[in-house]
N, C-alpha and C. Protein backbone atom coordinates (compact mmCIF):
# COMPACT_ATOMS: atom_id res chain seq x y z
N MET A 1 107.03 -56.66 93.72
CA MET A 1 107.89 -57.67 93.10
C MET A 1 107.35 -58.00 91.70
N ALA A 2 108.26 -58.04 90.75
CA ALA A 2 107.84 -58.28 89.36
C ALA A 2 107.40 -59.72 89.17
N THR A 3 106.30 -59.90 88.46
CA THR A 3 105.82 -61.24 88.15
C THR A 3 106.41 -61.70 86.82
N GLY A 4 106.15 -62.99 86.50
CA GLY A 4 106.61 -63.50 85.21
C GLY A 4 106.00 -62.75 84.06
N ALA A 5 104.73 -62.37 84.20
CA ALA A 5 104.04 -61.61 83.15
C ALA A 5 104.68 -60.24 82.98
N ASP A 6 105.02 -59.59 84.12
CA ASP A 6 105.67 -58.28 84.05
C ASP A 6 106.99 -58.36 83.31
N ASN A 7 107.75 -59.43 83.60
CA ASN A 7 109.05 -59.62 82.94
C ASN A 7 108.88 -59.81 81.44
N LEU A 8 107.84 -60.56 81.06
CA LEU A 8 107.58 -60.78 79.63
C LEU A 8 107.22 -59.47 78.94
N ILE A 9 106.40 -58.66 79.60
CA ILE A 9 106.00 -57.37 79.02
C ILE A 9 107.21 -56.47 78.88
N PHE A 10 108.07 -56.47 79.92
CA PHE A 10 109.27 -55.65 79.87
C PHE A 10 110.17 -56.08 78.71
N ALA A 11 110.35 -57.41 78.56
CA ALA A 11 111.20 -57.93 77.48
C ALA A 11 110.62 -57.58 76.11
N ALA A 12 109.30 -57.67 75.99
CA ALA A 12 108.66 -57.35 74.71
C ALA A 12 108.84 -55.88 74.38
N ASN A 13 108.71 -55.02 75.40
CA ASN A 13 108.89 -53.58 75.17
C ASN A 13 110.32 -53.26 74.76
N CYS A 14 111.29 -53.99 75.36
CA CYS A 14 112.69 -53.79 75.00
C CYS A 14 112.94 -54.18 73.55
N LEU A 15 112.35 -55.32 73.14
CA LEU A 15 112.50 -55.77 71.75
C LEU A 15 111.89 -54.76 70.79
N LEU A 16 110.72 -54.24 71.15
CA LEU A 16 110.05 -53.26 70.31
C LEU A 16 110.89 -51.99 70.20
N SER A 17 111.46 -51.57 71.34
CA SER A 17 112.31 -50.39 71.33
C SER A 17 113.54 -50.60 70.47
N ASP A 18 114.15 -51.79 70.57
CA ASP A 18 115.32 -52.09 69.75
C ASP A 18 114.97 -52.08 68.28
N ALA A 19 113.81 -52.66 67.95
CA ALA A 19 113.38 -52.72 66.55
C ALA A 19 113.18 -51.31 65.99
N LYS A 20 112.56 -50.44 66.81
CA LYS A 20 112.34 -49.06 66.37
C LYS A 20 113.65 -48.34 66.16
N THR A 21 114.61 -48.61 67.06
CA THR A 21 115.92 -47.98 66.93
C THR A 21 116.60 -48.42 65.66
N LEU A 22 116.51 -49.72 65.35
CA LEU A 22 117.13 -50.25 64.14
C LEU A 22 116.52 -49.61 62.90
N TYR A 23 115.18 -49.50 62.88
CA TYR A 23 114.53 -48.86 61.75
C TYR A 23 114.99 -47.41 61.62
N HIS A 24 115.13 -46.73 62.78
CA HIS A 24 115.52 -45.32 62.76
C HIS A 24 116.93 -45.14 62.20
N LEU A 25 117.80 -46.13 62.44
CA LEU A 25 119.18 -46.04 62.00
C LEU A 25 119.37 -46.48 60.55
N MET A 26 118.32 -46.96 59.91
CA MET A 26 118.42 -47.43 58.54
C MET A 26 118.85 -46.31 57.59
N LEU A 27 119.58 -46.71 56.55
CA LEU A 27 119.93 -45.79 55.47
C LEU A 27 118.96 -46.04 54.32
N ASN A 28 118.01 -45.14 54.16
CA ASN A 28 117.01 -45.26 53.10
C ASN A 28 117.26 -44.19 52.04
N ILE A 29 117.42 -44.64 50.81
CA ILE A 29 117.81 -43.74 49.72
C ILE A 29 116.77 -43.77 48.61
N VAL A 30 116.42 -42.58 48.12
CA VAL A 30 115.66 -42.46 46.86
C VAL A 30 116.63 -41.87 45.85
N ILE A 31 116.95 -42.61 44.80
CA ILE A 31 117.91 -42.12 43.81
C ILE A 31 117.17 -41.56 42.60
N PHE A 32 117.53 -40.33 42.23
CA PHE A 32 116.88 -39.64 41.13
C PHE A 32 117.84 -39.47 39.96
N GLY A 33 117.27 -39.48 38.79
CA GLY A 33 118.03 -39.26 37.58
C GLY A 33 117.24 -39.75 36.39
N PRO A 34 117.40 -39.11 35.25
CA PRO A 34 116.65 -39.52 34.04
C PRO A 34 117.16 -40.85 33.50
N PRO A 35 116.40 -41.49 32.61
CA PRO A 35 116.87 -42.72 31.96
C PRO A 35 118.22 -42.48 31.29
N GLY A 36 119.16 -43.38 31.53
CA GLY A 36 120.49 -43.23 30.95
C GLY A 36 121.47 -42.50 31.85
N ALA A 37 121.01 -42.08 33.05
CA ALA A 37 121.88 -41.33 33.95
C ALA A 37 122.83 -42.24 34.72
N GLY A 38 122.58 -43.55 34.69
CA GLY A 38 123.45 -44.48 35.40
C GLY A 38 122.93 -44.90 36.76
N LYS A 39 121.62 -44.73 36.98
CA LYS A 39 121.04 -45.09 38.28
C LYS A 39 121.23 -46.57 38.59
N GLY A 40 121.03 -47.42 37.58
CA GLY A 40 121.16 -48.86 37.81
C GLY A 40 122.56 -49.25 38.21
N THR A 41 123.54 -48.72 37.49
CA THR A 41 124.95 -49.03 37.78
C THR A 41 125.34 -48.55 39.17
N GLN A 42 124.99 -47.32 39.49
CA GLN A 42 125.36 -46.74 40.78
C GLN A 42 124.57 -47.37 41.93
N SER A 43 123.31 -47.72 41.66
CA SER A 43 122.50 -48.37 42.70
C SER A 43 123.13 -49.69 43.12
N ALA A 44 123.58 -50.47 42.13
CA ALA A 44 124.19 -51.77 42.43
C ALA A 44 125.43 -51.60 43.32
N LYS A 45 126.21 -50.57 43.04
CA LYS A 45 127.42 -50.34 43.83
C LYS A 45 127.08 -49.83 45.23
N LEU A 46 126.05 -49.00 45.34
CA LEU A 46 125.62 -48.53 46.66
C LEU A 46 125.06 -49.67 47.50
N ILE A 47 124.32 -50.56 46.86
CA ILE A 47 123.75 -51.72 47.56
C ILE A 47 124.86 -52.57 48.16
N ALA A 48 125.92 -52.80 47.38
CA ALA A 48 127.03 -53.63 47.85
C ALA A 48 127.79 -52.93 48.98
N LYS A 49 128.00 -51.65 48.86
CA LYS A 49 128.79 -50.91 49.86
C LYS A 49 128.07 -50.78 51.19
N TYR A 50 126.78 -50.45 51.13
CA TYR A 50 126.03 -50.15 52.36
C TYR A 50 125.10 -51.29 52.80
N ASN A 51 125.15 -52.41 52.09
CA ASN A 51 124.29 -53.57 52.42
C ASN A 51 122.81 -53.17 52.41
N LEU A 52 122.40 -52.58 51.31
CA LEU A 52 121.02 -52.14 51.15
C LEU A 52 120.23 -53.14 50.33
N VAL A 53 118.92 -53.05 50.42
CA VAL A 53 118.03 -53.86 49.59
C VAL A 53 117.44 -52.96 48.51
N HIS A 54 117.54 -53.40 47.27
CA HIS A 54 117.04 -52.63 46.13
C HIS A 54 115.56 -52.89 45.95
N ILE A 55 114.77 -51.84 45.96
CA ILE A 55 113.33 -51.97 45.73
C ILE A 55 112.96 -51.18 44.49
N SER A 56 112.67 -51.90 43.43
CA SER A 56 112.24 -51.29 42.17
C SER A 56 110.76 -51.60 41.97
N THR A 57 109.94 -50.57 41.85
CA THR A 57 108.51 -50.81 41.68
C THR A 57 108.24 -51.58 40.39
N GLY A 58 109.00 -51.29 39.35
CA GLY A 58 108.81 -52.03 38.09
C GLY A 58 109.10 -53.50 38.27
N ASP A 59 110.20 -53.83 38.96
CA ASP A 59 110.54 -55.22 39.23
C ASP A 59 109.47 -55.89 40.09
N LEU A 60 108.97 -55.15 41.09
CA LEU A 60 107.93 -55.71 41.96
C LEU A 60 106.66 -56.02 41.19
N PHE A 61 106.26 -55.09 40.32
CA PHE A 61 105.07 -55.32 39.50
C PHE A 61 105.24 -56.60 38.67
N ARG A 62 106.38 -56.69 38.00
CA ARG A 62 106.61 -57.85 37.13
C ARG A 62 106.66 -59.15 37.92
N MET A 63 107.30 -59.12 39.10
CA MET A 63 107.41 -60.32 39.92
C MET A 63 106.05 -60.80 40.41
N HIS A 64 105.23 -59.85 40.88
CA HIS A 64 103.91 -60.22 41.40
C HIS A 64 103.00 -60.72 40.27
N ILE A 65 103.09 -60.08 39.11
CA ILE A 65 102.28 -60.52 37.97
C ILE A 65 102.71 -61.91 37.52
N LYS A 66 104.03 -62.13 37.44
CA LYS A 66 104.54 -63.43 37.01
C LYS A 66 104.14 -64.54 37.97
N ASN A 67 104.18 -64.25 39.28
CA ASN A 67 103.85 -65.26 40.30
C ASN A 67 102.35 -65.34 40.58
N GLN A 68 101.59 -64.50 39.90
CA GLN A 68 100.13 -64.49 40.02
C GLN A 68 99.67 -64.37 41.48
N THR A 69 100.33 -63.48 42.22
CA THR A 69 99.90 -63.20 43.58
C THR A 69 98.63 -62.37 43.53
N GLU A 70 97.98 -62.23 44.69
CA GLU A 70 96.76 -61.42 44.74
C GLU A 70 97.06 -59.98 44.30
N LEU A 71 98.18 -59.44 44.80
CA LEU A 71 98.57 -58.09 44.39
C LEU A 71 98.88 -58.05 42.90
N GLY A 72 99.54 -59.11 42.41
CA GLY A 72 99.88 -59.18 41.00
C GLY A 72 98.65 -59.19 40.10
N LYS A 73 97.63 -59.93 40.53
CA LYS A 73 96.39 -59.99 39.76
C LYS A 73 95.72 -58.62 39.72
N ARG A 74 95.76 -57.91 40.85
CA ARG A 74 95.17 -56.58 40.90
C ARG A 74 95.91 -55.62 39.97
N VAL A 75 97.25 -55.70 40.01
CA VAL A 75 98.07 -54.82 39.17
C VAL A 75 97.83 -55.13 37.69
N LYS A 76 97.77 -56.41 37.34
CA LYS A 76 97.56 -56.80 35.94
C LYS A 76 96.21 -56.29 35.43
N ASP A 77 95.19 -56.44 36.24
CA ASP A 77 93.87 -55.96 35.84
C ASP A 77 93.88 -54.44 35.62
N ILE A 78 94.58 -53.74 36.50
CA ILE A 78 94.65 -52.28 36.40
C ILE A 78 95.40 -51.87 35.14
N LEU A 79 96.58 -52.50 34.93
CA LEU A 79 97.39 -52.16 33.76
C LEU A 79 96.69 -52.54 32.46
N ASP A 80 96.01 -53.69 32.46
CA ASP A 80 95.28 -54.13 31.27
C ASP A 80 94.14 -53.17 30.92
N SER A 81 93.68 -52.46 31.94
CA SER A 81 92.61 -51.49 31.72
C SER A 81 93.14 -50.15 31.26
N GLY A 82 94.48 -50.05 31.17
CA GLY A 82 95.11 -48.82 30.73
C GLY A 82 95.16 -47.75 31.81
N LEU A 83 95.01 -48.17 33.07
CA LEU A 83 95.02 -47.23 34.17
C LEU A 83 96.37 -47.26 34.90
N LEU A 84 96.62 -46.23 35.69
CA LEU A 84 97.83 -46.20 36.52
C LEU A 84 97.58 -46.97 37.81
N VAL A 85 98.61 -47.66 38.28
CA VAL A 85 98.49 -48.41 39.53
C VAL A 85 98.33 -47.43 40.69
N PRO A 86 97.28 -47.56 41.50
CA PRO A 86 97.09 -46.63 42.62
C PRO A 86 98.25 -46.68 43.61
N ASP A 87 98.53 -45.55 44.23
CA ASP A 87 99.62 -45.48 45.20
C ASP A 87 99.43 -46.50 46.32
N SER A 88 98.19 -46.74 46.72
CA SER A 88 97.93 -47.66 47.83
C SER A 88 98.40 -49.07 47.50
N VAL A 89 98.22 -49.50 46.25
CA VAL A 89 98.67 -50.83 45.83
C VAL A 89 100.19 -50.90 45.82
N THR A 90 100.81 -49.84 45.29
CA THR A 90 102.28 -49.80 45.26
C THR A 90 102.85 -49.83 46.67
N ILE A 91 102.26 -49.07 47.57
CA ILE A 91 102.73 -49.05 48.97
C ILE A 91 102.56 -50.42 49.61
N ASP A 92 101.48 -51.12 49.29
CA ASP A 92 101.28 -52.48 49.80
C ASP A 92 102.44 -53.38 49.37
N MET A 93 102.86 -53.25 48.11
CA MET A 93 103.98 -54.04 47.61
C MET A 93 105.28 -53.67 48.32
N LEU A 94 105.49 -52.37 48.49
CA LEU A 94 106.69 -51.91 49.18
C LEU A 94 106.73 -52.44 50.61
N GLU A 95 105.59 -52.37 51.28
CA GLU A 95 105.53 -52.83 52.67
C GLU A 95 105.85 -54.32 52.76
N GLU A 96 105.30 -55.09 51.84
CA GLU A 96 105.57 -56.52 51.82
C GLU A 96 107.06 -56.80 51.60
N GLU A 97 107.68 -56.03 50.71
CA GLU A 97 109.10 -56.22 50.41
C GLU A 97 109.97 -55.84 51.61
N VAL A 98 109.60 -54.77 52.30
CA VAL A 98 110.34 -54.36 53.50
C VAL A 98 110.26 -55.45 54.56
N LYS A 99 109.06 -56.01 54.75
CA LYS A 99 108.89 -57.06 55.76
C LYS A 99 109.69 -58.32 55.42
N ARG A 100 109.94 -58.53 54.13
CA ARG A 100 110.70 -59.71 53.72
C ARG A 100 112.19 -59.56 53.99
N ASN A 101 112.62 -58.35 54.33
CA ASN A 101 114.05 -58.08 54.52
C ASN A 101 114.31 -57.40 55.86
N PRO A 102 114.00 -58.10 56.97
CA PRO A 102 114.12 -57.47 58.29
C PRO A 102 115.56 -57.19 58.71
N GLN A 103 116.53 -57.85 58.08
CA GLN A 103 117.93 -57.66 58.46
C GLN A 103 118.64 -56.60 57.62
N ALA A 104 117.92 -55.96 56.73
CA ALA A 104 118.55 -54.97 55.85
C ALA A 104 119.03 -53.76 56.63
N ASN A 105 120.14 -53.20 56.18
CA ASN A 105 120.62 -51.94 56.77
C ASN A 105 119.84 -50.74 56.26
N GLY A 106 119.05 -50.99 55.22
CA GLY A 106 118.25 -49.92 54.63
C GLY A 106 117.82 -50.31 53.23
N PHE A 107 117.19 -49.38 52.55
CA PHE A 107 116.62 -49.67 51.24
C PHE A 107 116.96 -48.54 50.26
N ILE A 108 117.08 -48.93 49.01
CA ILE A 108 117.25 -47.94 47.95
C ILE A 108 116.04 -48.07 47.03
N PHE A 109 115.27 -47.00 46.93
CA PHE A 109 114.02 -47.00 46.17
C PHE A 109 114.28 -46.49 44.76
N ASP A 110 113.86 -47.30 43.78
CA ASP A 110 114.11 -47.01 42.37
C ASP A 110 112.78 -47.00 41.63
N GLY A 111 112.48 -45.88 40.98
CA GLY A 111 111.21 -45.79 40.25
C GLY A 111 110.05 -45.35 41.10
N PHE A 112 110.31 -45.01 42.32
CA PHE A 112 109.27 -44.56 43.25
C PHE A 112 109.95 -43.74 44.34
N PRO A 113 109.42 -42.58 44.67
CA PRO A 113 108.16 -41.98 44.19
C PRO A 113 108.35 -41.19 42.90
N ARG A 114 107.26 -41.06 42.16
CA ARG A 114 107.26 -40.29 40.91
C ARG A 114 106.37 -39.06 41.00
N THR A 115 105.62 -38.96 42.08
CA THR A 115 104.78 -37.79 42.31
C THR A 115 104.91 -37.39 43.78
N VAL A 116 104.50 -36.16 44.08
CA VAL A 116 104.55 -35.69 45.47
C VAL A 116 103.63 -36.54 46.34
N ALA A 117 102.48 -36.93 45.80
CA ALA A 117 101.55 -37.78 46.57
C ALA A 117 102.22 -39.10 46.94
N GLN A 118 102.98 -39.66 46.01
CA GLN A 118 103.70 -40.91 46.30
C GLN A 118 104.79 -40.69 47.33
N ALA A 119 105.47 -39.55 47.25
CA ALA A 119 106.52 -39.24 48.23
C ALA A 119 105.90 -39.10 49.62
N GLU A 120 104.75 -38.47 49.70
CA GLU A 120 104.06 -38.33 50.99
C GLU A 120 103.63 -39.70 51.52
N ALA A 121 103.16 -40.56 50.62
CA ALA A 121 102.74 -41.91 51.04
C ALA A 121 103.93 -42.72 51.53
N LEU A 122 105.06 -42.59 50.85
CA LEU A 122 106.27 -43.30 51.27
C LEU A 122 106.76 -42.80 52.63
N ASP A 123 106.72 -41.49 52.84
CA ASP A 123 107.10 -40.92 54.13
C ASP A 123 106.21 -41.45 55.25
N ALA A 124 104.91 -41.51 54.98
CA ALA A 124 103.97 -41.98 56.00
C ALA A 124 104.22 -43.45 56.33
N PHE A 125 104.50 -44.24 55.31
CA PHE A 125 104.81 -45.67 55.50
C PHE A 125 106.05 -45.84 56.36
N LEU A 126 107.11 -45.10 56.01
CA LEU A 126 108.36 -45.22 56.77
C LEU A 126 108.22 -44.67 58.19
N GLU A 127 107.41 -43.62 58.34
CA GLU A 127 107.20 -43.06 59.67
C GLU A 127 106.55 -44.08 60.59
N ASN A 128 105.67 -44.90 60.04
CA ASN A 128 105.05 -45.97 60.82
C ASN A 128 106.07 -47.00 61.28
N LYS A 129 107.21 -47.05 60.57
CA LYS A 129 108.30 -47.95 60.94
C LYS A 129 109.35 -47.22 61.78
N ASN A 130 109.02 -46.00 62.22
CA ASN A 130 109.97 -45.16 62.95
C ASN A 130 111.23 -44.92 62.13
N SER A 131 111.04 -44.75 60.83
CA SER A 131 112.16 -44.53 59.92
C SER A 131 111.81 -43.38 58.98
N ALA A 132 112.72 -43.11 58.04
CA ALA A 132 112.50 -42.01 57.10
C ALA A 132 113.48 -42.13 55.94
N ILE A 133 113.24 -41.38 54.87
CA ILE A 133 114.22 -41.28 53.81
C ILE A 133 115.42 -40.51 54.34
N SER A 134 116.61 -41.08 54.16
CA SER A 134 117.82 -40.47 54.71
C SER A 134 118.40 -39.42 53.78
N VAL A 135 118.46 -39.74 52.50
CA VAL A 135 119.11 -38.85 51.54
C VAL A 135 118.56 -39.14 50.15
N VAL A 136 118.54 -38.11 49.30
CA VAL A 136 118.01 -38.24 47.94
C VAL A 136 119.08 -37.77 46.96
N PRO A 137 119.95 -38.69 46.49
CA PRO A 137 120.96 -38.30 45.51
C PRO A 137 120.32 -38.08 44.13
N GLN A 138 120.71 -36.99 43.49
CA GLN A 138 120.24 -36.69 42.14
C GLN A 138 121.44 -36.74 41.20
N LEU A 139 121.40 -37.68 40.26
CA LEU A 139 122.47 -37.78 39.26
C LEU A 139 122.19 -36.76 38.16
N ASP A 140 123.07 -35.79 38.04
CA ASP A 140 122.87 -34.69 37.10
C ASP A 140 123.59 -35.00 35.79
N VAL A 141 122.79 -35.22 34.74
CA VAL A 141 123.34 -35.53 33.40
C VAL A 141 122.56 -34.72 32.38
N ASN A 142 123.29 -34.02 31.49
CA ASN A 142 122.60 -33.19 30.51
C ASN A 142 122.00 -34.04 29.39
N GLU A 143 121.10 -33.43 28.64
CA GLU A 143 120.34 -34.16 27.62
C GLU A 143 121.24 -34.70 26.51
N GLN A 144 122.26 -33.96 26.13
CA GLN A 144 123.17 -34.41 25.08
C GLN A 144 123.90 -35.70 25.49
N GLU A 145 124.36 -35.74 26.73
CA GLU A 145 125.05 -36.93 27.23
C GLU A 145 124.07 -38.10 27.34
N LEU A 146 122.84 -37.82 27.73
CA LEU A 146 121.83 -38.87 27.83
C LEU A 146 121.59 -39.52 26.48
N LYS A 147 121.46 -38.71 25.45
CA LYS A 147 121.20 -39.25 24.11
C LYS A 147 122.38 -40.09 23.63
N ARG A 148 123.59 -39.66 23.97
CA ARG A 148 124.77 -40.44 23.58
C ARG A 148 124.77 -41.80 24.28
N ARG A 149 124.47 -41.81 25.56
CA ARG A 149 124.44 -43.06 26.33
C ARG A 149 123.33 -43.99 25.84
N ILE A 150 122.19 -43.40 25.55
CA ILE A 150 121.05 -44.20 25.10
C ILE A 150 121.34 -44.83 23.75
N ALA A 151 122.00 -44.09 22.88
CA ALA A 151 122.37 -44.63 21.57
C ALA A 151 123.31 -45.83 21.73
N GLU A 152 124.26 -45.71 22.67
CA GLU A 152 125.19 -46.81 22.92
C GLU A 152 124.47 -48.01 23.52
N ARG A 153 123.60 -47.74 24.49
CA ARG A 153 122.88 -48.82 25.17
C ARG A 153 121.95 -49.54 24.21
N LYS A 154 121.37 -48.79 23.29
CA LYS A 154 120.43 -49.36 22.33
C LYS A 154 121.13 -50.40 21.45
N LYS A 155 122.43 -50.16 21.18
CA LYS A 155 123.18 -51.08 20.31
C LYS A 155 123.41 -52.44 20.95
N VAL A 156 123.52 -52.46 22.28
CA VAL A 156 123.97 -53.70 22.94
C VAL A 156 122.94 -54.38 23.82
N SER A 157 121.90 -53.63 24.27
CA SER A 157 121.04 -54.22 25.31
C SER A 157 119.91 -55.07 24.77
N GLY A 158 119.24 -54.57 23.73
CA GLY A 158 118.09 -55.30 23.20
C GLY A 158 116.86 -55.20 24.09
N ARG A 159 116.92 -54.35 25.12
CA ARG A 159 115.77 -54.18 25.99
C ARG A 159 114.62 -53.55 25.23
N ALA A 160 113.39 -54.02 25.55
CA ALA A 160 112.21 -53.53 24.83
C ALA A 160 112.04 -52.03 24.99
N ASP A 161 112.40 -51.50 26.19
CA ASP A 161 112.17 -50.08 26.40
C ASP A 161 113.31 -49.23 25.84
N ASP A 162 114.24 -49.87 25.14
CA ASP A 162 115.32 -49.10 24.54
C ASP A 162 114.99 -48.64 23.13
N ASP A 163 113.76 -48.84 22.70
CA ASP A 163 113.30 -48.23 21.47
C ASP A 163 113.40 -46.71 21.65
N GLU A 164 113.96 -46.04 20.67
CA GLU A 164 114.29 -44.62 20.83
C GLU A 164 113.08 -43.77 21.21
N ASP A 165 111.93 -44.01 20.55
CA ASP A 165 110.75 -43.21 20.85
C ASP A 165 110.31 -43.40 22.30
N LYS A 166 110.35 -44.66 22.77
CA LYS A 166 109.94 -44.92 24.14
C LYS A 166 110.89 -44.26 25.13
N LEU A 167 112.16 -44.31 24.82
CA LEU A 167 113.15 -43.71 25.72
C LEU A 167 112.98 -42.20 25.78
N ILE A 168 112.70 -41.59 24.65
CA ILE A 168 112.48 -40.15 24.63
C ILE A 168 111.27 -39.80 25.48
N LYS A 169 110.23 -40.63 25.40
CA LYS A 169 109.03 -40.40 26.22
C LYS A 169 109.37 -40.53 27.71
N ARG A 170 110.21 -41.52 28.03
CA ARG A 170 110.60 -41.72 29.43
C ARG A 170 111.42 -40.53 29.94
N ILE A 171 112.29 -40.01 29.08
CA ILE A 171 113.08 -38.83 29.47
C ILE A 171 112.17 -37.63 29.65
N ASP A 172 111.23 -37.46 28.71
CA ASP A 172 110.28 -36.34 28.82
C ASP A 172 109.45 -36.46 30.10
N GLU A 173 109.04 -37.70 30.42
CA GLU A 173 108.24 -37.91 31.63
C GLU A 173 109.05 -37.53 32.88
N TYR A 174 110.34 -37.87 32.85
CA TYR A 174 111.18 -37.53 34.00
C TYR A 174 111.27 -36.01 34.17
N PHE A 175 111.61 -35.31 33.08
CA PHE A 175 111.81 -33.86 33.19
C PHE A 175 110.50 -33.09 33.34
N ASN A 176 109.39 -33.66 32.86
CA ASN A 176 108.11 -32.97 32.95
C ASN A 176 107.32 -33.32 34.21
N LYS A 177 107.60 -34.51 34.78
CA LYS A 177 106.79 -34.96 35.92
C LYS A 177 107.64 -35.34 37.12
N THR A 178 108.46 -36.38 36.95
CA THR A 178 109.17 -36.96 38.09
C THR A 178 110.07 -35.95 38.79
N ILE A 179 110.75 -35.14 38.03
CA ILE A 179 111.72 -34.20 38.62
C ILE A 179 111.04 -33.21 39.56
N HIS A 180 109.73 -33.03 39.41
CA HIS A 180 109.01 -32.09 40.26
C HIS A 180 108.81 -32.62 41.67
N VAL A 181 109.21 -33.86 41.91
CA VAL A 181 109.18 -34.40 43.27
C VAL A 181 110.37 -33.86 44.08
N LEU A 182 111.43 -33.46 43.39
CA LEU A 182 112.64 -33.01 44.08
C LEU A 182 112.40 -31.85 45.05
N PRO A 183 111.60 -30.83 44.70
CA PRO A 183 111.37 -29.75 45.67
C PRO A 183 110.78 -30.25 46.99
N TYR A 184 110.00 -31.32 46.92
CA TYR A 184 109.43 -31.91 48.15
C TYR A 184 110.55 -32.34 49.09
N TYR A 185 111.56 -33.01 48.52
CA TYR A 185 112.69 -33.47 49.33
C TYR A 185 113.68 -32.33 49.61
N GLN A 186 113.75 -31.36 48.70
CA GLN A 186 114.61 -30.20 48.95
C GLN A 186 114.13 -29.43 50.17
N ALA A 187 112.80 -29.38 50.34
CA ALA A 187 112.24 -28.70 51.51
C ALA A 187 112.64 -29.41 52.80
N GLN A 188 112.94 -30.71 52.69
CA GLN A 188 113.41 -31.48 53.84
C GLN A 188 114.93 -31.50 53.94
N ARG A 189 115.58 -30.79 53.00
CA ARG A 189 117.04 -30.70 52.94
C ARG A 189 117.70 -32.09 52.80
N LYS A 190 117.13 -32.90 51.93
CA LYS A 190 117.64 -34.26 51.75
C LYS A 190 118.25 -34.50 50.37
N VAL A 191 118.12 -33.53 49.45
CA VAL A 191 118.62 -33.71 48.09
C VAL A 191 120.10 -33.34 48.02
N VAL A 192 120.89 -34.25 47.42
CA VAL A 192 122.29 -33.95 47.13
C VAL A 192 122.51 -34.19 45.64
N THR A 193 123.00 -33.19 44.93
CA THR A 193 123.20 -33.30 43.49
C THR A 193 124.63 -33.74 43.22
N VAL A 194 124.75 -34.79 42.41
CA VAL A 194 126.06 -35.34 42.07
C VAL A 194 126.21 -35.33 40.56
N ASN A 195 127.34 -34.85 40.07
CA ASN A 195 127.62 -34.84 38.64
C ASN A 195 127.64 -36.29 38.13
N GLY A 196 126.74 -36.59 37.19
CA GLY A 196 126.63 -37.95 36.68
C GLY A 196 127.45 -38.20 35.43
N ILE A 197 128.32 -37.26 35.06
CA ILE A 197 129.16 -37.41 33.88
C ILE A 197 130.60 -37.63 34.34
N GLY A 198 131.22 -38.68 33.81
CA GLY A 198 132.59 -38.99 34.19
C GLY A 198 132.79 -40.49 34.32
N GLU A 199 133.89 -40.89 34.93
CA GLU A 199 134.16 -42.30 35.14
C GLU A 199 133.23 -42.86 36.22
N ILE A 200 132.82 -44.11 36.05
CA ILE A 200 131.88 -44.74 36.98
C ILE A 200 132.38 -44.67 38.42
N GLU A 201 133.66 -45.00 38.63
CA GLU A 201 134.20 -45.02 39.99
C GLU A 201 134.26 -43.62 40.59
N GLU A 202 134.57 -42.64 39.75
CA GLU A 202 134.62 -41.25 40.23
C GLU A 202 133.23 -40.79 40.68
N ILE A 203 132.23 -41.12 39.86
CA ILE A 203 130.85 -40.76 40.20
C ILE A 203 130.44 -41.46 41.49
N PHE A 204 130.81 -42.72 41.61
CA PHE A 204 130.47 -43.50 42.80
C PHE A 204 131.11 -42.91 44.05
N ASP A 205 132.37 -42.56 43.97
CA ASP A 205 133.06 -41.95 45.11
C ASP A 205 132.37 -40.65 45.54
N ASN A 206 131.97 -39.85 44.55
CA ASN A 206 131.27 -38.60 44.85
C ASN A 206 129.90 -38.85 45.49
N LEU A 207 129.23 -39.90 45.00
CA LEU A 207 127.94 -40.29 45.58
C LEU A 207 128.10 -40.69 47.04
N CYS A 208 129.08 -41.53 47.32
CA CYS A 208 129.31 -42.01 48.69
C CYS A 208 129.66 -40.86 49.62
N GLU A 209 130.48 -39.95 49.12
CA GLU A 209 130.86 -38.79 49.94
C GLU A 209 129.62 -37.95 50.27
N ALA A 210 128.77 -37.75 49.27
CA ALA A 210 127.54 -36.96 49.49
C ALA A 210 126.60 -37.66 50.46
N ILE A 211 126.47 -38.97 50.32
CA ILE A 211 125.58 -39.75 51.20
C ILE A 211 126.10 -39.74 52.63
N ASP A 212 127.39 -39.97 52.79
CA ASP A 212 127.97 -40.02 54.14
C ASP A 212 127.88 -38.66 54.82
N SER A 213 128.02 -37.60 54.04
CA SER A 213 127.95 -36.25 54.62
C SER A 213 126.53 -35.89 55.03
N ALA A 214 125.54 -36.48 54.33
CA ALA A 214 124.13 -36.14 54.59
C ALA A 214 123.52 -36.97 55.70
N ARG A 215 124.16 -38.04 56.11
CA ARG A 215 123.58 -38.93 57.10
C ARG A 215 123.56 -38.29 58.49
């Protein structure tokens, strides 16, 4: 005959199983594309459609530094020293952000991963949650179109990183470094390439179709 303790253990195991199932069913997206490809615009629309939480490592760094959290102090010291933030610190921030959003249907990761080591760390983190990256949309935009968009954005945004030299460096970094993460996800058959040139709604419809087909 089951005791009260047995019933509690059974209930706890059921809750744990349900939680693992929910994590497994999450839609987790890593969106790729060079600066000016429209990742921000399309991410916002994907978040609204699929009820996702947007996780931007740049935003997280700035938020933690501004709020002077322990992680923020560590990041500030590292950046002030001219060093790159270690993957372990970034993963700590990601984990904290995931825990803050237990009701999310999934997450869209922006600005991370940028290296294969980071992609492996992200996979390991999600695996511990009984989850995984679901799909990796790549917005395909040629360099000529990027320069046209950047010139337009520079006129209206006033963002500090919209200085032409900095933007060119960011584009070079994407094509020389970040894009090399794609084969890692291609080996997992998770990359879907979407034409990033055209009307915003048309691109969005194509993105959604690719995501839904890959799930």
